[in-house]
Amino acid sequence: MKYQIRTERLPELDLAAIETALGERDPAGVVDRDPSRALLRFATCLGGGEVLALMADAGFPIEASALEGLPSECCGGCGG
């Protein structure tokens, strides 16, 4: 699943802390920051509640309304 979080209302993010929290829960998960659009982007097998929990554990609690799930881009053609 892919998620994004708007970051303009968050304090300066410690991306390394968020990456660590994600890696503990989903070693194949990826998080990055798009400063041009003020977004934090996730690609992970975690559910929305788990992403909220990892953000809180990393020191950046957010409201559930700030987490946006994105539609899948998977066509199923590769068998994944």
N, C-alpha and C. Protein backbone atom coordinates (compact mmCIF):
# COMPACT_ATOMS: atom_id res chain seq x y z
N MET A 1 0.84 -1.17 0.00
CA MET A 1 0.00 0.00 0.00
C MET A 1 0.89 1.23 0.00
N LYS A 2 0.41 2.26 -0.64
CA LYS A 2 1.13 3.54 -0.62
C LYS A 2 0.31 4.55 0.17
N TYR A 3 1.04 5.38 0.91
CA TYR A 3 0.42 6.42 1.72
C TYR A 3 1.21 7.70 1.53
N GLN A 4 0.55 8.81 1.81
CA GLN A 4 1.27 10.07 1.89
C GLN A 4 0.72 10.89 3.05
N ILE A 5 1.61 11.70 3.61
CA ILE A 5 1.27 12.57 4.73
C ILE A 5 1.74 13.97 4.36
N ARG A 6 0.86 14.94 4.44
CA ARG A 6 1.26 16.34 4.23
C ARG A 6 2.12 16.76 5.42
N THR A 7 3.23 17.43 5.14
CA THR A 7 4.19 17.74 6.20
C THR A 7 4.28 19.22 6.55
N GLU A 8 3.51 20.07 5.89
CA GLU A 8 3.69 21.50 6.17
C GLU A 8 3.35 21.88 7.61
N ARG A 9 2.53 21.08 8.29
CA ARG A 9 2.17 21.38 9.68
C ARG A 9 2.99 20.60 10.70
N LEU A 10 3.89 19.77 10.22
CA LEU A 10 4.73 18.99 11.13
C LEU A 10 6.03 19.72 11.40
N PRO A 11 6.61 19.49 12.58
CA PRO A 11 7.92 20.08 12.86
C PRO A 11 8.96 19.44 11.93
N GLU A 12 10.16 19.93 11.98
CA GLU A 12 11.23 19.35 11.16
C GLU A 12 11.30 17.85 11.42
N LEU A 13 11.11 17.08 10.37
CA LEU A 13 11.06 15.62 10.49
C LEU A 13 12.45 15.01 10.55
N ASP A 14 12.59 13.99 11.36
CA ASP A 14 13.81 13.19 11.41
C ASP A 14 13.55 11.96 10.55
N LEU A 15 13.89 12.05 9.27
CA LEU A 15 13.60 10.96 8.34
C LEU A 15 14.27 9.67 8.77
N ALA A 16 15.46 9.75 9.35
CA ALA A 16 16.16 8.54 9.80
C ALA A 16 15.37 7.82 10.89
N ALA A 17 14.76 8.56 11.81
CA ALA A 17 13.96 7.94 12.87
C ALA A 17 12.72 7.27 12.28
N ILE A 18 12.12 7.89 11.29
CA ILE A 18 10.94 7.31 10.64
C ILE A 18 11.34 6.06 9.85
N GLU A 19 12.48 6.11 9.16
CA GLU A 19 12.98 4.94 8.42
C GLU A 19 13.26 3.78 9.37
N THR A 20 13.83 4.07 10.53
CA THR A 20 14.11 3.03 11.51
C THR A 20 12.82 2.39 12.01
N ALA A 21 11.84 3.22 12.35
CA ALA A 21 10.55 2.70 12.83
C ALA A 21 9.87 1.86 11.75
N LEU A 22 9.95 2.30 10.50
CA LEU A 22 9.36 1.53 9.40
C LEU A 22 10.11 0.21 9.21
N GLY A 23 11.43 0.26 9.21
CA GLY A 23 12.23 -0.94 9.00
C GLY A 23 12.02 -2.01 10.06
N GLU A 24 11.70 -1.60 11.28
CA GLU A 24 11.42 -2.56 12.35
C GLU A 24 10.12 -3.31 12.11
N ARG A 25 9.20 -2.68 11.39
CA ARG A 25 7.89 -3.28 11.14
C ARG A 25 7.77 -3.90 9.75
N ASP A 26 8.45 -3.29 8.79
CA ASP A 26 8.40 -3.75 7.40
C ASP A 26 9.77 -3.52 6.77
N PRO A 27 10.66 -4.51 6.85
CA PRO A 27 12.02 -4.33 6.33
C PRO A 27 12.08 -3.95 4.85
N ALA A 28 11.05 -4.30 4.08
CA ALA A 28 11.03 -3.95 2.65
C ALA A 28 10.34 -2.62 2.40
N GLY A 29 9.80 -2.00 3.44
CA GLY A 29 9.10 -0.73 3.28
C GLY A 29 10.04 0.41 2.92
N VAL A 30 9.48 1.41 2.26
CA VAL A 30 10.26 2.57 1.83
C VAL A 30 9.51 3.84 2.24
N VAL A 31 10.27 4.82 2.71
CA VAL A 31 9.71 6.13 3.00
C VAL A 31 10.65 7.17 2.41
N ASP A 32 10.08 8.21 1.83
CA ASP A 32 10.89 9.32 1.35
C ASP A 32 10.12 10.62 1.52
N ARG A 33 10.82 11.69 1.28
CA ARG A 33 10.25 13.02 1.47
C ARG A 33 10.26 13.74 0.14
N ASP A 34 9.15 14.39 -0.18
CA ASP A 34 9.05 15.24 -1.36
C ASP A 34 8.85 16.67 -0.87
N PRO A 35 9.95 17.40 -0.65
CA PRO A 35 9.82 18.75 -0.10
C PRO A 35 9.11 19.73 -1.04
N SER A 36 9.16 19.49 -2.33
CA SER A 36 8.52 20.41 -3.27
C SER A 36 7.00 20.38 -3.13
N ARG A 37 6.46 19.25 -2.66
CA ARG A 37 5.01 19.15 -2.46
C ARG A 37 4.65 18.98 -0.99
N ALA A 38 5.64 19.12 -0.10
CA ALA A 38 5.43 18.99 1.36
C ALA A 38 4.76 17.66 1.70
N LEU A 39 5.36 16.56 1.19
CA LEU A 39 4.81 15.23 1.42
C LEU A 39 5.85 14.28 1.99
N LEU A 40 5.39 13.39 2.84
CA LEU A 40 6.15 12.23 3.26
C LEU A 40 5.43 11.06 2.60
N ARG A 41 6.17 10.23 1.84
CA ARG A 41 5.56 9.15 1.07
C ARG A 41 6.03 7.79 1.57
N PHE A 42 5.09 6.86 1.70
CA PHE A 42 5.37 5.50 2.16
C PHE A 42 4.94 4.49 1.11
N ALA A 43 5.73 3.44 0.95
CA ALA A 43 5.32 2.23 0.22
C ALA A 43 5.61 1.08 1.19
N THR A 44 4.56 0.39 1.63
CA THR A 44 4.71 -0.58 2.71
C THR A 44 3.58 -1.60 2.68
N CYS A 45 3.80 -2.71 3.35
CA CYS A 45 2.73 -3.70 3.51
C CYS A 45 1.87 -3.38 4.73
N LEU A 46 2.22 -2.35 5.49
CA LEU A 46 1.50 -1.99 6.71
C LEU A 46 0.15 -1.36 6.39
N GLY A 47 -0.76 -1.51 7.33
CA GLY A 47 -2.04 -0.84 7.24
C GLY A 47 -1.93 0.59 7.77
N GLY A 48 -2.96 1.36 7.54
CA GLY A 48 -2.96 2.76 7.95
C GLY A 48 -2.72 2.97 9.43
N GLY A 49 -3.37 2.15 10.27
CA GLY A 49 -3.17 2.27 11.71
C GLY A 49 -1.74 2.00 12.12
N GLU A 50 -1.10 1.07 11.42
CA GLU A 50 0.30 0.76 11.73
C GLU A 50 1.22 1.90 11.31
N VAL A 51 0.90 2.58 10.22
CA VAL A 51 1.70 3.74 9.81
C VAL A 51 1.54 4.86 10.83
N LEU A 52 0.33 5.07 11.31
CA LEU A 52 0.10 6.08 12.35
C LEU A 52 0.91 5.75 13.60
N ALA A 53 0.93 4.47 13.99
CA ALA A 53 1.67 4.04 15.18
C ALA A 53 3.17 4.24 14.99
N LEU A 54 3.69 3.91 13.82
CA LEU A 54 5.14 4.08 13.62
C LEU A 54 5.52 5.55 13.61
N MET A 55 4.65 6.41 13.09
CA MET A 55 4.94 7.85 13.14
C MET A 55 4.98 8.33 14.59
N ALA A 56 4.06 7.86 15.41
CA ALA A 56 4.06 8.24 16.83
C ALA A 56 5.32 7.71 17.52
N ASP A 57 5.69 6.46 17.23
CA ASP A 57 6.90 5.88 17.83
C ASP A 57 8.16 6.62 17.40
N ALA A 58 8.14 7.19 16.20
CA ALA A 58 9.30 7.95 15.70
C ALA A 58 9.32 9.38 16.26
N GLY A 59 8.28 9.75 17.02
CA GLY A 59 8.24 11.08 17.63
C GLY A 59 7.42 12.09 16.87
N PHE A 60 6.61 11.62 15.91
CA PHE A 60 5.81 12.53 15.10
C PHE A 60 4.37 12.03 15.02
N PRO A 61 3.63 12.11 16.14
CA PRO A 61 2.24 11.65 16.10
C PRO A 61 1.42 12.53 15.15
N ILE A 62 0.56 11.88 14.38
CA ILE A 62 -0.28 12.62 13.44
C ILE A 62 -1.72 12.15 13.59
N GLU A 63 -2.63 13.00 13.16
CA GLU A 63 -4.06 12.65 13.14
C GLU A 63 -4.31 11.66 12.01
N ALA A 64 -5.27 10.78 12.20
CA ALA A 64 -5.62 9.82 11.15
C ALA A 64 -6.03 10.52 9.86
N SER A 65 -6.64 11.69 9.98
CA SER A 65 -7.08 12.43 8.79
C SER A 65 -5.91 12.95 7.96
N ALA A 66 -4.71 13.00 8.54
CA ALA A 66 -3.53 13.48 7.81
C ALA A 66 -2.92 12.39 6.92
N LEU A 67 -3.31 11.14 7.14
CA LEU A 67 -2.76 10.01 6.38
C LEU A 67 -3.68 9.72 5.21
N GLU A 68 -3.13 9.80 4.02
CA GLU A 68 -3.91 9.54 2.81
C GLU A 68 -3.43 8.26 2.14
N GLY A 69 -4.31 7.28 2.02
CA GLY A 69 -4.00 6.06 1.28
C GLY A 69 -4.14 6.32 -0.20
N LEU A 70 -3.20 5.83 -0.98
CA LEU A 70 -3.22 6.05 -2.42
C LEU A 70 -3.68 4.78 -3.13
N PRO A 71 -4.35 4.93 -4.27
CA PRO A 71 -4.80 3.74 -5.00
C PRO A 71 -3.61 2.93 -5.51
N SER A 72 -3.82 1.64 -5.61
CA SER A 72 -2.77 0.74 -6.09
C SER A 72 -2.47 1.01 -7.56
N GLU A 73 -1.19 0.90 -7.90
CA GLU A 73 -0.76 1.01 -9.29
C GLU A 73 -0.50 -0.37 -9.89
N CYS A 74 -0.80 -1.40 -9.13
CA CYS A 74 -0.50 -2.78 -9.54
C CYS A 74 -1.52 -3.25 -10.56
N CYS A 75 -1.03 -3.73 -11.70
CA CYS A 75 -1.92 -4.28 -12.72
C CYS A 75 -2.06 -5.78 -12.58
N GLY A 76 -1.22 -6.40 -11.74
CA GLY A 76 -1.25 -7.84 -11.53
C GLY A 76 -0.48 -8.62 -12.58
N GLY A 77 0.05 -7.95 -13.57
CA GLY A 77 0.73 -8.60 -14.68
C GLY A 77 2.01 -9.33 -14.31
N CYS A 78 2.68 -8.88 -13.27
CA CYS A 78 3.94 -9.53 -12.89
C CYS A 78 3.70 -10.67 -11.91
N GLY A 79 2.46 -10.85 -11.50
CA GLY A 79 2.13 -11.92 -10.56
C GLY A 79 2.27 -11.50 -9.12
N GLY A 80 2.58 -10.21 -8.88
CA GLY A 80 2.76 -9.73 -7.51
C GLY A 80 1.52 -9.25 -6.87
